[in-house]
Amino acid sequence: MRIVLSVILFLFPFSLKGEASYGEQFQFSVVPNVGNERVEFELLIKNNEEAPLHFEFPTSQYYEITVTDRTGHEVYRYSKGRFFLQALQYLKIEPQQTYRKIESWDYKVNGKRVPAGQYTVTATLLPRKLNDQPLNNNQSVVSKVNFNVPAENSGFRRPESKEN
């Protein structure tokens, strides 16, 4: 039984990887690493070229992350409540290298934890140009994958303070 569980835990992250390609130049993927109290979204941009990739972004927001429940209702948006620098930003990825960024979500919406179950994370890369060539709206790069939010473990919850 332990061997089967070990194999499942080893293979599980690989089955969650949603990957989007932009021609043969690069792959963009989001990998949800699920924990009891939060999920970490690992965002990866892999340069498949033999030359550097130069991304230009209109703001300091390089990507958008949304999470929806089974009905398609949005429960989390990375940019909600955040402010981004309104100036051109540049990202250079060397040949055969991978840019990696991690963002997390605490399973909460308006201060309340979402129910356990299946959710979908959609990550969208937001460059304006790639290698000095403009990208139009039809060239969006999106990675989408399902993941499961675990049931809340009340044994590890912090006791709520009660005011008299």
Protein backbone atom coordinates (compact mmCIF):
# COMPACT_ATOMS: atom_id res chain seq x y z
CA MET A 1 0.00 0.00 0.00
CA ARG A 2 2.82 2.41 0.88
CA ILE A 3 4.51 1.72 -2.45
CA VAL A 4 1.32 2.49 -4.38
CA LEU A 5 0.81 5.70 -2.39
CA SER A 6 4.44 6.71 -2.97
CA VAL A 7 4.09 6.15 -6.71
CA ILE A 8 0.86 8.17 -6.82
CA LEU A 9 2.40 11.05 -4.86
CA PHE A 10 5.47 11.00 -7.11
CA LEU A 11 3.47 11.03 -10.35
CA PHE A 12 0.64 13.34 -9.19
CA PRO A 13 2.38 16.72 -9.87
CA PHE A 14 3.26 15.66 -13.39
CA SER A 15 -0.36 14.90 -14.26
CA LEU A 16 -1.39 18.40 -13.18
CA LYS A 17 0.88 20.34 -15.51
CA GLY A 18 -1.03 22.38 -18.07
CA GLU A 19 1.29 23.54 -20.82
CA ALA A 20 0.81 26.01 -23.66
CA SER A 21 3.25 26.42 -26.52
CA TYR A 22 3.99 29.45 -28.62
CA GLY A 23 5.17 27.84 -31.81
CA GLU A 24 8.42 26.12 -31.02
CA GLN A 25 9.92 29.19 -29.34
CA PHE A 26 8.75 28.60 -25.77
CA GLN A 27 6.35 26.78 -23.46
CA PHE A 28 4.32 28.45 -20.75
CA SER A 29 2.88 26.32 -17.98
CA VAL A 30 1.22 26.55 -14.60
CA VAL A 31 1.70 23.80 -12.03
CA PRO A 32 -0.52 23.86 -8.91
CA ASN A 33 1.27 22.49 -5.85
CA VAL A 34 -1.59 21.78 -3.46
CA GLY A 35 -1.14 22.04 0.30
CA ASN A 36 -3.53 21.91 3.26
CA GLU A 37 -3.62 25.67 3.84
CA ARG A 38 -2.83 27.04 0.37
CA VAL A 39 -1.92 26.20 -3.19
CA GLU A 40 1.25 27.46 -4.83
CA PHE A 41 1.05 28.15 -8.54
CA GLU A 42 4.41 27.57 -10.21
CA LEU A 43 4.58 29.56 -13.45
CA LEU A 44 7.21 28.46 -15.96
CA ILE A 45 8.36 29.95 -19.26
CA LYS A 46 10.84 27.66 -21.01
CA ASN A 47 12.92 29.02 -23.88
CA ASN A 48 13.29 26.27 -26.51
CA GLU A 49 15.35 28.45 -28.85
CA GLU A 50 19.09 28.69 -29.36
CA ALA A 51 18.83 32.48 -28.94
CA PRO A 52 17.55 34.58 -26.04
CA LEU A 53 13.85 35.47 -25.88
CA HIS A 54 12.99 39.10 -25.16
CA PHE A 55 9.53 39.77 -23.76
CA GLU A 56 8.10 43.27 -23.40
CA PHE A 57 5.20 43.86 -21.03
CA PRO A 58 3.07 47.05 -20.86
CA THR A 59 3.08 46.96 -17.01
CA SER A 60 4.81 45.09 -14.18
CA GLN A 61 2.08 42.45 -14.40
CA TYR A 62 3.62 39.63 -16.45
CA TYR A 63 0.70 37.21 -16.04
CA GLU A 64 -2.85 36.82 -14.77
CA ILE A 65 -4.01 33.88 -12.70
CA THR A 66 -7.66 33.00 -12.18
CA VAL A 67 -9.27 30.12 -10.31
CA THR A 68 -12.80 28.95 -11.07
CA ASP A 69 -15.00 26.37 -9.37
CA ARG A 70 -16.81 23.52 -11.13
CA THR A 71 -19.60 25.85 -12.28
CA GLY A 72 -17.12 28.29 -13.86
CA HIS A 73 -17.60 30.91 -11.13
CA GLU A 74 -14.39 32.85 -10.49
CA VAL A 75 -13.19 32.47 -6.90
CA TYR A 76 -9.69 33.98 -7.20
CA ARG A 77 -7.99 36.54 -9.44
CA TYR A 78 -4.30 37.30 -8.90
CA SER A 79 -4.58 40.97 -9.90
CA LYS A 80 -7.59 41.76 -7.69
CA GLY A 81 -6.57 44.33 -5.09
CA ARG A 82 -3.03 44.67 -6.46
CA PHE A 83 -1.38 47.60 -8.16
CA PHE A 84 1.15 47.29 -10.97
CA LEU A 85 3.79 49.70 -12.22
CA GLN A 86 2.46 51.40 -15.37
CA ALA A 87 5.72 51.33 -17.31
CA LEU A 88 7.27 49.03 -19.88
CA GLN A 89 8.93 45.99 -18.34
CA TYR A 90 11.35 43.60 -20.01
CA LEU A 91 12.14 39.95 -19.41
CA LYS A 92 15.02 38.14 -21.10
CA ILE A 93 15.22 34.35 -20.99
CA GLU A 94 18.47 32.79 -22.15
CA PRO A 95 18.52 29.82 -24.57
CA GLN A 96 17.26 26.55 -23.07
CA GLN A 97 16.60 28.30 -19.74
CA THR A 98 13.37 28.49 -17.72
CA TYR A 99 11.92 31.53 -15.97
CA ARG A 100 10.18 30.44 -12.78
CA LYS A 101 7.80 32.38 -10.53
CA ILE A 102 5.62 31.15 -7.65
CA GLU A 103 2.36 32.76 -6.49
CA SER A 104 0.10 31.39 -3.78
CA TRP A 105 -3.58 31.44 -2.86
CA ASP A 106 -4.93 30.64 0.63
CA TYR A 107 -8.22 29.10 -0.60
CA LYS A 108 -10.17 32.09 0.66
CA VAL A 109 -12.80 34.27 -0.97
CA ASN A 110 -13.90 37.34 1.00
CA GLY A 111 -12.28 35.90 4.12
CA LYS A 112 -13.98 32.49 3.92
CA ARG A 113 -12.38 29.25 2.79
CA VAL A 114 -13.79 27.69 -0.38
CA PRO A 115 -15.29 24.19 -0.13
CA ALA A 116 -13.13 21.18 -0.90
CA GLY A 117 -13.39 19.97 -4.48
CA GLN A 118 -12.15 20.44 -8.01
CA TYR A 119 -11.11 23.87 -9.28
CA THR A 120 -9.48 25.10 -12.48
CA VAL A 121 -6.51 27.45 -12.58
CA THR A 122 -5.96 29.49 -15.74
CA ALA A 123 -2.71 31.38 -16.17
CA THR A 124 -2.32 33.86 -19.02
CA LEU A 125 1.01 35.33 -20.09
CA LEU A 126 0.59 39.06 -20.87
CA PRO A 127 3.48 40.21 -23.12
CA ARG A 128 2.99 43.04 -25.60
CA LYS A 129 5.97 42.05 -27.74
CA LEU A 130 8.19 39.04 -28.26
CA ASN A 131 11.64 39.70 -29.77
CA ASP A 132 10.49 43.22 -30.77
CA GLN A 133 7.49 41.83 -32.70
CA PRO A 134 4.03 43.00 -31.53
CA LEU A 135 1.61 40.33 -30.36
CA ASN A 136 -2.06 40.83 -31.11
CA ASN A 137 -4.96 39.69 -28.92
CA ASN A 138 -5.33 36.46 -30.91
CA GLN A 139 -1.87 35.37 -29.82
CA SER A 140 -2.53 34.98 -26.11
CA VAL A 141 -0.65 32.23 -24.31
CA VAL A 142 -2.83 30.41 -21.78
CA SER A 143 -2.16 27.42 -19.54
CA LYS A 144 -5.13 25.76 -17.83
CA VAL A 145 -5.22 22.83 -15.41
CA ASN A 146 -7.57 21.29 -12.83
CA PHE A 147 -6.61 20.72 -9.21
CA ASN A 148 -8.35 19.65 -6.01
CA VAL A 149 -8.70 21.82 -2.92
CA PRO A 150 -8.45 19.50 0.10
CA ALA A 151 -10.93 19.47 2.94
CA GLU A 152 -10.09 21.86 5.74
CA ASN A 153 -8.10 20.20 8.51
CA SER A 154 -9.66 21.58 11.67
CA GLY A 155 -6.93 19.98 13.80
CA PHE A 156 -4.43 22.57 12.57
CA ARG A 157 -6.67 25.63 12.67
CA ARG A 158 -5.73 28.48 14.89
CA PRO A 159 -8.38 29.19 17.50
CA GLU A 160 -10.33 32.31 16.70
CA SER A 161 -10.07 35.02 19.32
CA LYS A 162 -13.29 35.82 21.12
CA GLU A 163 -13.88 39.33 22.29
CA ASN A 164 -15.96 39.91 25.41
